[in-house]
Amino acid sequence: MADKTEKTEAPEKDALKVGDYIKAKKFGPLEHSFTGEITKVYDNSVLVEIRDYNPADKTAVGDMNNRAVVRKSTAKLTSAPKA
């Protein structure tokens, strides 16, 4: 018999790891979506180093030191940019 107190999480939530690239929706001072590399994983969010963004968001990205905290539920896994 399974213990009913066990917590199960969505598989995509556990799929995010350091080094993965994600696409995230606009939020806060950002006016457009952006792409970045995960640098740290938290329980419900990830710290992302913003790598690709709309030029109109250059000032906002600079103010945020090229980093953003993104909810795991809204992060979309993507492939690394081609060099």
N, C-alpha and C. Protein backbone atom coordinates (compact mmCIF):
# COMPACT_ATOMS: atom_id res chain seq x y z
N MET A 1 0.85 -1.18 0.00
CA MET A 1 0.00 0.00 0.00
C MET A 1 0.89 1.24 0.00
N ALA A 2 0.60 2.17 -0.86
CA ALA A 2 1.41 3.39 -0.98
C ALA A 2 1.07 4.36 0.14
N ASP A 3 2.09 5.05 0.60
CA ASP A 3 1.90 6.06 1.64
C ASP A 3 1.27 7.29 1.00
N LYS A 4 0.13 7.72 1.49
CA LYS A 4 -0.60 8.84 0.89
C LYS A 4 0.07 10.19 1.16
N THR A 5 1.06 10.22 2.03
CA THR A 5 1.73 11.48 2.32
C THR A 5 2.89 11.74 1.36
N GLU A 6 3.18 10.77 0.49
CA GLU A 6 4.27 10.97 -0.47
C GLU A 6 3.91 12.08 -1.44
N LYS A 7 4.90 12.88 -1.75
CA LYS A 7 4.69 14.01 -2.65
C LYS A 7 5.20 13.62 -4.03
N THR A 8 4.37 13.79 -5.04
CA THR A 8 4.80 13.51 -6.40
C THR A 8 4.85 14.83 -7.16
N GLU A 9 5.87 14.97 -7.98
CA GLU A 9 6.05 16.20 -8.74
C GLU A 9 5.94 15.89 -10.23
N ALA A 10 5.61 16.89 -10.99
CA ALA A 10 5.53 16.74 -12.44
C ALA A 10 6.91 16.42 -12.99
N PRO A 11 7.01 15.52 -13.96
CA PRO A 11 8.32 15.14 -14.50
C PRO A 11 9.10 16.31 -15.08
N GLU A 12 8.41 17.25 -15.75
CA GLU A 12 9.12 18.37 -16.36
C GLU A 12 9.76 19.28 -15.31
N LYS A 13 9.22 19.28 -14.10
CA LYS A 13 9.77 20.11 -13.03
C LYS A 13 11.16 19.60 -12.64
N ASP A 14 11.32 18.28 -12.62
CA ASP A 14 12.60 17.68 -12.26
C ASP A 14 13.57 17.67 -13.43
N ALA A 15 13.07 17.88 -14.64
CA ALA A 15 13.91 17.80 -15.83
C ALA A 15 14.86 18.98 -15.95
N LEU A 16 14.58 20.09 -15.30
CA LEU A 16 15.43 21.28 -15.40
C LEU A 16 16.67 21.11 -14.53
N LYS A 17 17.84 21.35 -15.14
CA LYS A 17 19.08 21.22 -14.39
C LYS A 17 20.08 22.28 -14.83
N VAL A 18 21.11 22.48 -14.05
CA VAL A 18 22.14 23.47 -14.35
C VAL A 18 22.74 23.17 -15.72
N GLY A 19 22.86 24.20 -16.54
CA GLY A 19 23.42 24.06 -17.88
C GLY A 19 22.37 23.98 -18.97
N ASP A 20 21.12 23.69 -18.61
CA ASP A 20 20.03 23.64 -19.59
C ASP A 20 19.70 25.06 -20.05
N TYR A 21 19.20 25.16 -21.26
CA TYR A 21 18.73 26.45 -21.78
C TYR A 21 17.21 26.46 -21.76
N ILE A 22 16.65 27.59 -21.35
CA ILE A 22 15.20 27.73 -21.31
C ILE A 22 14.76 29.01 -22.01
N LYS A 23 13.51 29.01 -22.42
CA LYS A 23 12.87 30.22 -22.93
C LYS A 23 11.88 30.65 -21.87
N ALA A 24 11.88 31.92 -21.54
CA ALA A 24 10.99 32.43 -20.49
C ALA A 24 10.18 33.61 -21.03
N LYS A 25 8.98 33.75 -20.48
CA LYS A 25 8.10 34.85 -20.88
C LYS A 25 8.56 36.15 -20.24
N LYS A 26 8.12 37.24 -20.84
CA LYS A 26 8.42 38.58 -20.31
C LYS A 26 7.84 38.72 -18.91
N PHE A 27 8.50 39.51 -18.09
CA PHE A 27 7.98 39.83 -16.76
C PHE A 27 8.71 41.05 -16.24
N GLY A 28 8.17 41.68 -15.23
CA GLY A 28 8.81 42.84 -14.61
C GLY A 28 9.18 43.89 -15.63
N PRO A 29 10.45 44.33 -15.62
CA PRO A 29 10.87 45.39 -16.53
C PRO A 29 11.09 44.92 -17.98
N LEU A 30 11.08 43.61 -18.21
CA LEU A 30 11.30 43.08 -19.55
C LEU A 30 10.02 43.16 -20.37
N GLU A 31 10.15 43.64 -21.61
CA GLU A 31 8.99 43.79 -22.48
C GLU A 31 8.84 42.62 -23.46
N HIS A 32 9.86 41.75 -23.53
CA HIS A 32 9.85 40.64 -24.48
C HIS A 32 10.35 39.37 -23.79
N SER A 33 10.06 38.22 -24.40
CA SER A 33 10.56 36.95 -23.90
C SER A 33 12.07 36.89 -24.09
N PHE A 34 12.71 35.97 -23.38
CA PHE A 34 14.17 35.84 -23.48
C PHE A 34 14.58 34.39 -23.33
N THR A 35 15.83 34.11 -23.67
CA THR A 35 16.40 32.78 -23.54
C THR A 35 17.64 32.88 -22.67
N GLY A 36 17.87 31.85 -21.86
CA GLY A 36 19.03 31.87 -20.99
C GLY A 36 19.43 30.50 -20.51
N GLU A 37 20.57 30.46 -19.82
CA GLU A 37 21.13 29.21 -19.29
C GLU A 37 20.88 29.14 -17.79
N ILE A 38 20.42 28.00 -17.33
CA ILE A 38 20.17 27.80 -15.90
C ILE A 38 21.50 27.72 -15.16
N THR A 39 21.65 28.56 -14.13
CA THR A 39 22.88 28.54 -13.33
C THR A 39 22.66 27.99 -11.93
N LYS A 40 21.40 27.98 -11.47
CA LYS A 40 21.08 27.43 -10.15
C LYS A 40 19.63 26.97 -10.16
N VAL A 41 19.38 25.84 -9.49
CA VAL A 41 18.03 25.29 -9.42
C VAL A 41 17.53 25.38 -7.98
N TYR A 42 16.36 25.96 -7.81
CA TYR A 42 15.70 26.05 -6.51
C TYR A 42 14.51 25.09 -6.51
N ASP A 43 13.75 25.05 -5.41
CA ASP A 43 12.60 24.14 -5.31
C ASP A 43 11.56 24.40 -6.40
N ASN A 44 11.15 25.64 -6.58
CA ASN A 44 10.09 25.97 -7.53
C ASN A 44 10.51 26.93 -8.63
N SER A 45 11.79 27.27 -8.68
CA SER A 45 12.26 28.24 -9.67
C SER A 45 13.70 27.94 -10.05
N VAL A 46 14.19 28.66 -11.04
CA VAL A 46 15.58 28.53 -11.49
C VAL A 46 16.18 29.92 -11.69
N LEU A 47 17.47 30.03 -11.43
CA LEU A 47 18.20 31.26 -11.70
C LEU A 47 18.78 31.12 -13.10
N VAL A 48 18.51 32.10 -13.95
CA VAL A 48 18.89 32.03 -15.36
C VAL A 48 19.83 33.17 -15.70
N GLU A 49 20.90 32.85 -16.40
CA GLU A 49 21.76 33.89 -16.97
C GLU A 49 21.20 34.18 -18.36
N ILE A 50 20.72 35.39 -18.55
CA ILE A 50 20.06 35.77 -19.80
C ILE A 50 21.11 35.85 -20.91
N ARG A 51 20.89 35.08 -21.98
CA ARG A 51 21.85 35.02 -23.09
C ARG A 51 21.33 35.68 -24.36
N ASP A 52 20.04 35.52 -24.64
CA ASP A 52 19.47 36.04 -25.88
C ASP A 52 18.20 36.81 -25.54
N TYR A 53 18.15 38.07 -25.93
CA TYR A 53 17.01 38.92 -25.59
C TYR A 53 16.80 39.97 -26.67
N ASN A 54 15.66 40.59 -26.66
CA ASN A 54 15.33 41.63 -27.62
C ASN A 54 16.16 42.88 -27.31
N PRO A 55 16.74 43.51 -28.32
CA PRO A 55 17.55 44.72 -28.08
C PRO A 55 16.81 45.82 -27.31
N ALA A 56 15.49 45.86 -27.41
CA ALA A 56 14.72 46.87 -26.68
C ALA A 56 14.81 46.67 -25.17
N ASP A 57 15.17 45.46 -24.74
CA ASP A 57 15.28 45.14 -23.31
C ASP A 57 16.71 45.28 -22.78
N LYS A 58 17.61 45.85 -23.57
CA LYS A 58 19.02 45.92 -23.18
C LYS A 58 19.22 46.60 -21.83
N THR A 59 18.57 47.71 -21.59
CA THR A 59 18.72 48.44 -20.33
C THR A 59 18.19 47.62 -19.16
N ALA A 60 17.02 47.01 -19.34
CA ALA A 60 16.42 46.20 -18.26
C ALA A 60 17.29 45.00 -17.94
N VAL A 61 17.82 44.33 -18.97
CA VAL A 61 18.69 43.17 -18.74
C VAL A 61 19.96 43.61 -18.02
N GLY A 62 20.51 44.74 -18.38
CA GLY A 62 21.69 45.27 -17.70
C GLY A 62 21.41 45.59 -16.24
N ASP A 63 20.25 46.20 -15.98
CA ASP A 63 19.86 46.51 -14.60
C ASP A 63 19.71 45.25 -13.76
N MET A 64 19.34 44.14 -14.41
CA MET A 64 19.16 42.87 -13.71
C MET A 64 20.45 42.05 -13.68
N ASN A 65 21.57 42.65 -14.12
CA ASN A 65 22.87 41.97 -14.17
C ASN A 65 22.82 40.68 -15.00
N ASN A 66 22.06 40.70 -16.07
CA ASN A 66 21.91 39.57 -16.99
C ASN A 66 21.40 38.31 -16.31
N ARG A 67 20.65 38.46 -15.22
CA ARG A 67 20.12 37.31 -14.49
C ARG A 67 18.64 37.52 -14.21
N ALA A 68 17.93 36.39 -14.10
CA ALA A 68 16.51 36.44 -13.74
C ALA A 68 16.14 35.15 -13.03
N VAL A 69 15.20 35.24 -12.10
CA VAL A 69 14.65 34.06 -11.45
C VAL A 69 13.33 33.75 -12.14
N VAL A 70 13.21 32.52 -12.63
CA VAL A 70 12.04 32.12 -13.42
C VAL A 70 11.36 30.93 -12.75
N ARG A 71 10.03 30.96 -12.68
CA ARG A 71 9.27 29.83 -12.14
C ARG A 71 9.47 28.61 -13.03
N LYS A 72 9.66 27.45 -12.42
CA LYS A 72 9.80 26.22 -13.19
C LYS A 72 8.56 25.95 -14.03
N SER A 73 7.40 26.30 -13.51
CA SER A 73 6.15 26.02 -14.22
C SER A 73 6.01 26.82 -15.51
N THR A 74 6.73 27.93 -15.63
CA THR A 74 6.62 28.75 -16.85
C THR A 74 7.83 28.60 -17.76
N ALA A 75 8.90 27.96 -17.30
CA ALA A 75 10.12 27.80 -18.10
C ALA A 75 9.91 26.72 -19.16
N LYS A 76 10.33 27.01 -20.38
CA LYS A 76 10.23 26.05 -21.48
C LYS A 76 11.64 25.63 -21.89
N LEU A 77 11.93 24.35 -21.76
CA LEU A 77 13.24 23.82 -22.11
C LEU A 77 13.48 24.00 -23.60
N THR A 78 14.68 24.45 -23.97
CA THR A 78 15.03 24.68 -25.36
C THR A 78 16.46 24.21 -25.59
N SER A 79 16.90 24.20 -26.82
CA SER A 79 18.26 23.78 -27.12
C SER A 79 19.22 24.95 -26.98
N ALA A 80 20.49 24.63 -26.79
CA ALA A 80 21.52 25.66 -26.65
C ALA A 80 21.67 26.39 -27.98
N PRO A 81 21.98 27.68 -27.94
CA PRO A 81 22.16 28.43 -29.19
C PRO A 81 23.37 27.91 -29.96
N LYS A 82 23.28 27.98 -31.26
CA LYS A 82 24.40 27.53 -32.10
C LYS A 82 25.50 28.57 -32.08
N ALA A 83 26.73 28.11 -31.93
CA ALA A 83 27.88 29.02 -31.83
C ALA A 83 28.30 29.54 -33.17
